[in-house]
């Protein structure tokens, strides 16, 4: 694909988003939750862990722990044991306990709904804040950047960066704020089903003709 201007890239991106919408009309957040705080917990648990494993753990966890106060009251080692299958359970339990204590002390037990306040909570970086704002609160937020989205963004020629923060900045310039949450889910689904890390299935890709396949492995 010849070098394109920013305006041309914006038009190509808009066409890509239309195709993704048609290809993945049922895309949604893979993590299961019933409240913003539960999404916070699930997102913390998802670090270095698959969504499938997190979703296997959280139903029982959320039946046992109904509020931030329940996490604070958990006996030493109890929460760690409950989330052990997600890995790095000591660090994750520590973040959840500390965040729950902050919520009880400063926010009446409720998760705040601004980026600035979310980023102050233990275990919350930009990715987690963007996930929570876009999905639990349905607010415009920055683009979520996980391994799938980072890989696809390179292949689509949306970014040349490796740093997630810089990738997010590039994507935020191309993707409207109101669409970023759902676009992230569509890209993740596309990355799992078609544009995989090991071998991209370009012959089956709905984005053919719009993707320059930067660095893609075809065989």
C-alpha atoms as a PDB file:
ATOM      1  CA  UNK A   1       0.000   0.000   0.000  1.00  0.00           C
ATOM      2  CA  UNK A   2       1.479   3.404  -0.975  1.00  0.00           C
ATOM      3  CA  UNK A   3       2.210   5.966   1.705  1.00  0.00           C
ATOM      4  CA  UNK A   4      -1.042   7.624   2.703  1.00  0.00           C
ATOM      5  CA  UNK A   5      -1.913  10.965   4.199  1.00  0.00           C
ATOM      6  CA  UNK A   6      -3.599  11.178   7.590  1.00  0.00           C
ATOM      7  CA  UNK A   7      -6.893  12.047   5.871  1.00  0.00           C
ATOM      8  CA  UNK A   8      -6.594   8.947   3.692  1.00  0.00           C
ATOM      9  CA  UNK A   9      -5.786   6.821   6.730  1.00  0.00           C
ATOM     10  CA  UNK A  10      -8.870   8.197   8.486  1.00  0.00           C
ATOM     11  CA  UNK A  11     -11.049   7.257   5.500  1.00  0.00           C
ATOM     12  CA  UNK A  12      -9.515   3.774   5.332  1.00  0.00           C
ATOM     13  CA  UNK A  13     -10.023   3.363   9.074  1.00  0.00           C
ATOM     14  CA  UNK A  14     -13.696   4.329   8.753  1.00  0.00           C
ATOM     15  CA  UNK A  15     -14.116   1.654   6.064  1.00  0.00           C
ATOM     16  CA  UNK A  16     -12.353  -0.908   8.292  1.00  0.00           C
ATOM     17  CA  UNK A  17     -14.656  -0.091  11.187  1.00  0.00           C
ATOM     18  CA  UNK A  18     -17.714  -0.562   8.970  1.00  0.00           C
ATOM     19  CA  UNK A  19     -16.505  -3.984   7.894  1.00  0.00           C
ATOM     20  CA  UNK A  20     -15.695  -5.014  11.468  1.00  0.00           C
ATOM     21  CA  UNK A  21     -19.177  -3.966  12.560  1.00  0.00           C
ATOM     22  CA  UNK A  22     -20.718  -6.122   9.838  1.00  0.00           C
ATOM     23  CA  UNK A  23     -18.403  -9.060  10.571  1.00  0.00           C
ATOM     24  CA  UNK A  24     -18.819  -9.043  14.374  1.00  0.00           C
ATOM     25  CA  UNK A  25     -22.285  -7.651  15.144  1.00  0.00           C
ATOM     26  CA  UNK A  26     -22.489  -9.513  18.469  1.00  0.00           C
ATOM     27  CA  UNK A  27     -19.053  -8.529  19.802  1.00  0.00           C
ATOM     28  CA  UNK A  28     -19.051  -7.691  23.508  1.00  0.00           C
ATOM     29  CA  UNK A  29     -16.851  -7.602  26.583  1.00  0.00           C
ATOM     30  CA  UNK A  30     -15.540 -11.126  27.194  1.00  0.00           C
ATOM     31  CA  UNK A  31     -15.217 -10.632  30.925  1.00  0.00           C
ATOM     32  CA  UNK A  32     -18.388 -11.397  32.871  1.00  0.00           C
ATOM     33  CA  UNK A  33     -19.549  -8.869  35.470  1.00  0.00           C
ATOM     34  CA  UNK A  34     -22.672  -7.266  36.937  1.00  0.00           C
ATOM     35  CA  UNK A  35     -21.319  -3.989  38.281  1.00  0.00           C
ATOM     36  CA  UNK A  36     -18.431  -1.581  37.684  1.00  0.00           C
ATOM     37  CA  UNK A  37     -16.588  -2.919  40.734  1.00  0.00           C
ATOM     38  CA  UNK A  38     -16.946  -6.501  39.505  1.00  0.00           C
ATOM     39  CA  UNK A  39     -15.482  -5.435  36.169  1.00  0.00           C
ATOM     40  CA  UNK A  40     -12.577  -3.850  38.041  1.00  0.00           C
ATOM     41  CA  UNK A  41     -11.956  -7.138  39.875  1.00  0.00           C
ATOM     42  CA  UNK A  42     -12.273  -9.213  36.692  1.00  0.00           C
ATOM     43  CA  UNK A  43      -9.898  -6.908  34.824  1.00  0.00           C
ATOM     44  CA  UNK A  44      -7.296  -7.115  37.589  1.00  0.00           C
ATOM     45  CA  UNK A  45      -7.567 -10.916  37.496  1.00  0.00           C
ATOM     46  CA  UNK A  46      -7.188 -10.948  33.704  1.00  0.00           C
ATOM     47  CA  UNK A  47      -3.573  -9.735  33.857  1.00  0.00           C
ATOM     48  CA  UNK A  48      -1.368 -12.553  32.527  1.00  0.00           C
ATOM     49  CA  UNK A  49      -4.447 -14.781  32.418  1.00  0.00           C
ATOM     50  CA  UNK A  50      -7.035 -15.744  29.807  1.00  0.00           C
ATOM     51  CA  UNK A  51     -10.539 -14.319  29.942  1.00  0.00           C
ATOM     52  CA  UNK A  52     -11.873 -17.875  29.909  1.00  0.00           C
ATOM     53  CA  UNK A  53     -10.045 -18.743  33.120  1.00  0.00           C
ATOM     54  CA  UNK A  54     -11.123 -15.490  34.761  1.00  0.00           C
ATOM     55  CA  UNK A  55     -14.739 -16.216  33.835  1.00  0.00           C
ATOM     56  CA  UNK A  56     -14.407 -19.658  35.395  1.00  0.00           C
ATOM     57  CA  UNK A  57     -13.291 -18.102  38.692  1.00  0.00           C
ATOM     58  CA  UNK A  58     -15.474 -14.999  39.005  1.00  0.00           C
ATOM     59  CA  UNK A  59     -18.962 -16.579  39.327  1.00  0.00           C
ATOM     60  CA  UNK A  60     -18.012 -18.201  42.614  1.00  0.00           C
ATOM     61  CA  UNK A  61     -15.948 -15.213  43.658  1.00  0.00           C
ATOM     62  CA  UNK A  62     -18.811 -12.777  43.081  1.00  0.00           C
ATOM     63  CA  UNK A  63     -21.259 -15.009  44.957  1.00  0.00           C
ATOM     64  CA  UNK A  64     -18.921 -14.905  47.951  1.00  0.00           C
ATOM     65  CA  UNK A  65     -17.805 -11.261  47.777  1.00  0.00           C
ATOM     66  CA  UNK A  66     -20.672  -8.850  47.136  1.00  0.00           C
ATOM     67  CA  UNK A  67     -19.011  -5.518  47.854  1.00  0.00           C
ATOM     68  CA  UNK A  68     -15.641  -3.870  48.523  1.00  0.00           C
ATOM     69  CA  UNK A  69     -16.256  -4.402  52.254  1.00  0.00           C
ATOM     70  CA  UNK A  70     -16.318  -8.173  51.742  1.00  0.00           C
ATOM     71  CA  UNK A  71     -12.850  -8.094  50.161  1.00  0.00           C
ATOM     72  CA  UNK A  72     -11.488  -5.973  53.000  1.00  0.00           C
ATOM     73  CA  UNK A  73     -12.912  -8.373  55.598  1.00  0.00           C
ATOM     74  CA  UNK A  74     -11.526 -11.508  53.921  1.00  0.00           C
ATOM     75  CA  UNK A  75      -9.185 -13.464  56.176  1.00  0.00           C
ATOM     76  CA  UNK A  76      -5.474 -13.445  55.313  1.00  0.00           C
ATOM     77  CA  UNK A  77      -4.864 -15.935  52.522  1.00  0.00           C
ATOM     78  CA  UNK A  78      -8.560 -16.500  51.817  1.00  0.00           C
ATOM     79  CA  UNK A  79      -8.882 -14.196  48.822  1.00  0.00           C
ATOM     80  CA  UNK A  80      -5.522 -15.410  47.528  1.00  0.00           C
ATOM     81  CA  UNK A  81      -6.828 -18.963  47.610  1.00  0.00           C
ATOM     82  CA  UNK A  82     -10.071 -17.981  45.883  1.00  0.00           C
ATOM     83  CA  UNK A  83      -8.273 -16.381  42.923  1.00  0.00           C
ATOM     84  CA  UNK A  84      -5.271 -18.741  42.772  1.00  0.00           C
ATOM     85  CA  UNK A  85      -6.211 -20.216  39.341  1.00  0.00           C
ATOM     86  CA  UNK A  86      -5.726 -16.789  37.706  1.00  0.00           C
ATOM     87  CA  UNK A  87      -2.031 -16.669  38.631  1.00  0.00           C
ATOM     88  CA  UNK A  88      -0.028 -13.964  40.432  1.00  0.00           C
ATOM     89  CA  UNK A  89      -2.715 -14.274  43.089  1.00  0.00           C
ATOM     90  CA  UNK A  90      -0.765 -12.586  45.885  1.00  0.00           C
ATOM     91  CA  UNK A  91      -0.232  -9.389  43.892  1.00  0.00           C
ATOM     92  CA  UNK A  92      -3.774  -9.404  42.531  1.00  0.00           C
ATOM     93  CA  UNK A  93      -5.337  -9.976  45.947  1.00  0.00           C
ATOM     94  CA  UNK A  94      -3.229  -7.165  47.379  1.00  0.00           C
ATOM     95  CA  UNK A  95      -4.358  -4.735  44.693  1.00  0.00           C
ATOM     96  CA  UNK A  96      -8.018  -5.664  45.129  1.00  0.00           C
ATOM     97  CA  UNK A  97      -7.874  -5.359  48.927  1.00  0.00           C
ATOM     98  CA  UNK A  98      -6.151  -1.963  48.786  1.00  0.00           C
ATOM     99  CA  UNK A  99      -8.521  -0.653  46.142  1.00  0.00           C
ATOM    100  CA  UNK A 100     -11.531  -1.859  48.122  1.00  0.00           C
ATOM    101  CA  UNK A 101     -10.246  -0.027  51.198  1.00  0.00           C
ATOM    102  CA  UNK A 102      -9.811   3.184  49.200  1.00  0.00           C
ATOM    103  CA  UNK A 103     -13.332   2.877  47.790  1.00  0.00           C
ATOM    104  CA  UNK A 104     -14.796   2.453  51.270  1.00  0.00           C
ATOM    105  CA  UNK A 105     -12.820   5.359  52.702  1.00  0.00           C
ATOM    106  CA  UNK A 106     -13.119   7.881  49.860  1.00  0.00           C
ATOM    107  CA  UNK A 107     -16.004   6.898  47.575  1.00  0.00           C
ATOM    108  CA  UNK A 108     -18.670   5.338  49.775  1.00  0.00           C
ATOM    109  CA  UNK A 109     -17.866   1.890  48.416  1.00  0.00           C
ATOM    110  CA  UNK A 110     -18.561   2.861  44.806  1.00  0.00           C
ATOM    111  CA  UNK A 111     -16.112   2.763  41.927  1.00  0.00           C
ATOM    112  CA  UNK A 112     -15.394   6.264  40.566  1.00  0.00           C
ATOM    113  CA  UNK A 113     -16.306   6.977  36.956  1.00  0.00           C
ATOM    114  CA  UNK A 114     -13.510   9.288  35.863  1.00  0.00           C
ATOM    115  CA  UNK A 115     -10.146   8.363  34.401  1.00  0.00           C
ATOM    116  CA  UNK A 116      -8.262  10.549  36.857  1.00  0.00           C
ATOM    117  CA  UNK A 117      -9.807   8.852  39.887  1.00  0.00           C
ATOM    118  CA  UNK A 118      -9.613   5.324  38.475  1.00  0.00           C
ATOM    119  CA  UNK A 119      -5.906   5.667  37.750  1.00  0.00           C
ATOM    120  CA  UNK A 120      -5.285   6.341  41.441  1.00  0.00           C
ATOM    121  CA  UNK A 121      -6.599   2.905  42.411  1.00  0.00           C
ATOM    122  CA  UNK A 122      -4.207  -0.029  42.924  1.00  0.00           C
ATOM    123  CA  UNK A 123      -4.101  -2.335  39.906  1.00  0.00           C
ATOM    124  CA  UNK A 124      -5.491   0.261  37.508  1.00  0.00           C
ATOM    125  CA  UNK A 125      -3.453   1.394  34.521  1.00  0.00           C
ATOM    126  CA  UNK A 126      -4.717   3.058  31.364  1.00  0.00           C
ATOM    127  CA  UNK A 127      -5.920  -0.221  29.843  1.00  0.00           C
ATOM    128  CA  UNK A 128      -7.999  -1.119  32.891  1.00  0.00           C
ATOM    129  CA  UNK A 129      -9.364   2.418  33.205  1.00  0.00           C
ATOM    130  CA  UNK A 130     -10.373   2.410  29.540  1.00  0.00           C
ATOM    131  CA  UNK A 131     -12.066  -0.989  29.900  1.00  0.00           C
ATOM    132  CA  UNK A 132     -14.065   0.158  32.925  1.00  0.00           C
ATOM    133  CA  UNK A 133     -15.055   3.561  31.542  1.00  0.00           C
ATOM    134  CA  UNK A 134     -16.090   2.244  28.137  1.00  0.00           C
ATOM    135  CA  UNK A 135     -17.927  -0.865  29.285  1.00  0.00           C
ATOM    136  CA  UNK A 136     -19.194  -0.419  32.841  1.00  0.00           C
ATOM    137  CA  UNK A 137     -19.929   3.300  32.632  1.00  0.00           C
ATOM    138  CA  UNK A 138     -20.481   3.602  28.852  1.00  0.00           C
ATOM    139  CA  UNK A 139     -18.363   6.733  28.768  1.00  0.00           C
ATOM    140  CA  UNK A 140     -16.026   7.827  25.983  1.00  0.00           C
ATOM    141  CA  UNK A 141     -12.557   6.577  26.853  1.00  0.00           C
ATOM    142  CA  UNK A 142      -9.191   5.914  25.301  1.00  0.00           C
ATOM    143  CA  UNK A 143      -8.675   2.869  23.114  1.00  0.00           C
ATOM    144  CA  UNK A 144      -7.903  -0.354  24.957  1.00  0.00           C
ATOM    145  CA  UNK A 145      -4.615  -1.866  23.777  1.00  0.00           C
ATOM    146  CA  UNK A 146      -4.058  -5.556  24.467  1.00  0.00           C
ATOM    147  CA  UNK A 147      -1.860  -8.016  22.566  1.00  0.00           C
ATOM    148  CA  UNK A 148      -4.495  -8.614  19.865  1.00  0.00           C
ATOM    149  CA  UNK A 149      -5.178  -4.936  19.290  1.00  0.00           C
ATOM    150  CA  UNK A 150      -1.494  -4.049  19.298  1.00  0.00           C
ATOM    151  CA  UNK A 151      -0.729  -6.745  16.707  1.00  0.00           C
ATOM    152  CA  UNK A 152      -3.653  -5.872  14.424  1.00  0.00           C
ATOM    153  CA  UNK A 153      -2.918  -2.145  14.674  1.00  0.00           C
ATOM    154  CA  UNK A 154       0.556  -2.781  13.275  1.00  0.00           C
ATOM    155  CA  UNK A 155      -0.714  -4.986  10.484  1.00  0.00           C
ATOM    156  CA  UNK A 156      -3.344  -2.423   9.521  1.00  0.00           C
ATOM    157  CA  UNK A 157      -0.728   0.306   9.396  1.00  0.00           C
ATOM    158  CA  UNK A 158      -2.423   2.275  12.164  1.00  0.00           C
ATOM    159  CA  UNK A 159       0.751   2.602  14.241  1.00  0.00           C
ATOM    160  CA  UNK A 160       4.483   1.944  14.130  1.00  0.00           C
ATOM    161  CA  UNK A 161       4.922   1.986  17.882  1.00  0.00           C
ATOM    162  CA  UNK A 162       5.426  -0.894  20.312  1.00  0.00           C
ATOM    163  CA  UNK A 163       4.621   0.989  23.519  1.00  0.00           C
ATOM    164  CA  UNK A 164       0.926   0.521  24.417  1.00  0.00           C
ATOM    165  CA  UNK A 165       0.570   4.164  25.459  1.00  0.00           C
ATOM    166  CA  UNK A 166       1.850   5.386  22.102  1.00  0.00           C
ATOM    167  CA  UNK A 167      -0.310   2.866  20.239  1.00  0.00           C
ATOM    168  CA  UNK A 168      -3.334   4.108  22.173  1.00  0.00           C
ATOM    169  CA  UNK A 169      -2.555   7.683  21.184  1.00  0.00           C
ATOM    170  CA  UNK A 170      -2.361   6.731  17.506  1.00  0.00           C
ATOM    171  CA  UNK A 171      -5.640   4.799  17.675  1.00  0.00           C
ATOM    172  CA  UNK A 172      -7.405   7.576  19.562  1.00  0.00           C
ATOM    173  CA  UNK A 173      -6.650   9.886  16.647  1.00  0.00           C
ATOM    174  CA  UNK A 174      -8.240   7.469  14.183  1.00  0.00           C
ATOM    175  CA  UNK A 175     -11.193   5.967  16.073  1.00  0.00           C
ATOM    176  CA  UNK A 176     -14.054   8.121  17.412  1.00  0.00           C
ATOM    177  CA  UNK A 177     -14.284   8.142  21.215  1.00  0.00           C
ATOM    178  CA  UNK A 178     -17.891   6.933  21.170  1.00  0.00           C
ATOM    179  CA  UNK A 179     -16.891   3.786  19.225  1.00  0.00           C
ATOM    180  CA  UNK A 180     -13.671   2.770  20.956  1.00  0.00           C
ATOM    181  CA  UNK A 181     -15.139   0.313  23.465  1.00  0.00           C
ATOM    182  CA  UNK A 182     -17.050  -1.734  20.895  1.00  0.00           C
ATOM    183  CA  UNK A 183     -14.268  -1.468  18.303  1.00  0.00           C
ATOM    184  CA  UNK A 184     -11.861  -2.950  20.855  1.00  0.00           C
ATOM    185  CA  UNK A 185     -14.140  -5.981  21.284  1.00  0.00           C
ATOM    186  CA  UNK A 186     -14.436  -6.429  17.520  1.00  0.00           C
ATOM    187  CA  UNK A 187     -10.670  -6.219  17.061  1.00  0.00           C
ATOM    188  CA  UNK A 188     -10.060  -8.718  19.873  1.00  0.00           C
ATOM    189  CA  UNK A 189     -12.537 -11.152  18.308  1.00  0.00           C
ATOM    190  CA  UNK A 190     -10.889 -10.639  14.918  1.00  0.00           C
ATOM    191  CA  UNK A 191      -7.494 -11.290  16.471  1.00  0.00           C
ATOM    192  CA  UNK A 192      -8.682 -14.511  18.062  1.00  0.00           C
ATOM    193  CA  UNK A 193     -10.477 -15.872  15.008  1.00  0.00           C
ATOM    194  CA  UNK A 194      -8.670 -14.558  11.923  1.00  0.00           C
ATOM    195  CA  UNK A 195      -5.699 -12.221  12.451  1.00  0.00           C
ATOM    196  CA  UNK A 196      -3.901 -14.530  14.848  1.00  0.00           C
ATOM    197  CA  UNK A 197      -0.349 -14.104  16.068  1.00  0.00           C
ATOM    198  CA  UNK A 198       0.907 -17.419  14.771  1.00  0.00           C
ATOM    199  CA  UNK A 199      -0.553 -17.331  11.270  1.00  0.00           C
ATOM    200  CA  UNK A 200      -2.876 -14.710   9.858  1.00  0.00           C
ATOM    201  CA  UNK A 201      -5.747 -16.185   7.848  1.00  0.00           C
ATOM    202  CA  UNK A 202      -5.719 -13.412   5.265  1.00  0.00           C
ATOM    203  CA  UNK A 203      -7.685 -15.443   2.707  1.00  0.00           C
ATOM    204  CA  UNK A 204     -10.686 -15.377   5.043  1.00  0.00           C
ATOM    205  CA  UNK A 205     -10.261 -11.794   6.254  1.00  0.00           C
ATOM    206  CA  UNK A 206     -13.069  -9.290   5.846  1.00  0.00           C
ATOM    207  CA  UNK A 207     -10.474  -6.520   5.757  1.00  0.00           C
ATOM    208  CA  UNK A 208      -8.837  -7.648   2.518  1.00  0.00           C
ATOM    209  CA  UNK A 209      -8.131  -4.668   0.305  1.00  0.00           C
ATOM    210  CA  UNK A 210      -7.959  -2.338   3.299  1.00  0.00           C
ATOM    211  CA  UNK A 211      -5.067  -3.947   5.162  1.00  0.00           C
ATOM    212  CA  UNK A 212      -1.425  -3.461   4.117  1.00  0.00           C
ATOM    213  CA  UNK A 213      -0.459  -6.560   6.143  1.00  0.00           C
ATOM    214  CA  UNK A 214       2.544  -4.875   7.732  1.00  0.00           C
ATOM    215  CA  UNK A 215       4.825  -7.620   9.078  1.00  0.00           C
ATOM    216  CA  UNK A 216       2.113 -10.246   8.765  1.00  0.00           C
ATOM    217  CA  UNK A 217       3.146 -13.904   8.746  1.00  0.00           C
ATOM    218  CA  UNK A 218       1.268 -15.704   6.002  1.00  0.00           C
ATOM    219  CA  UNK A 219       2.748 -19.134   6.355  1.00  0.00           C
END
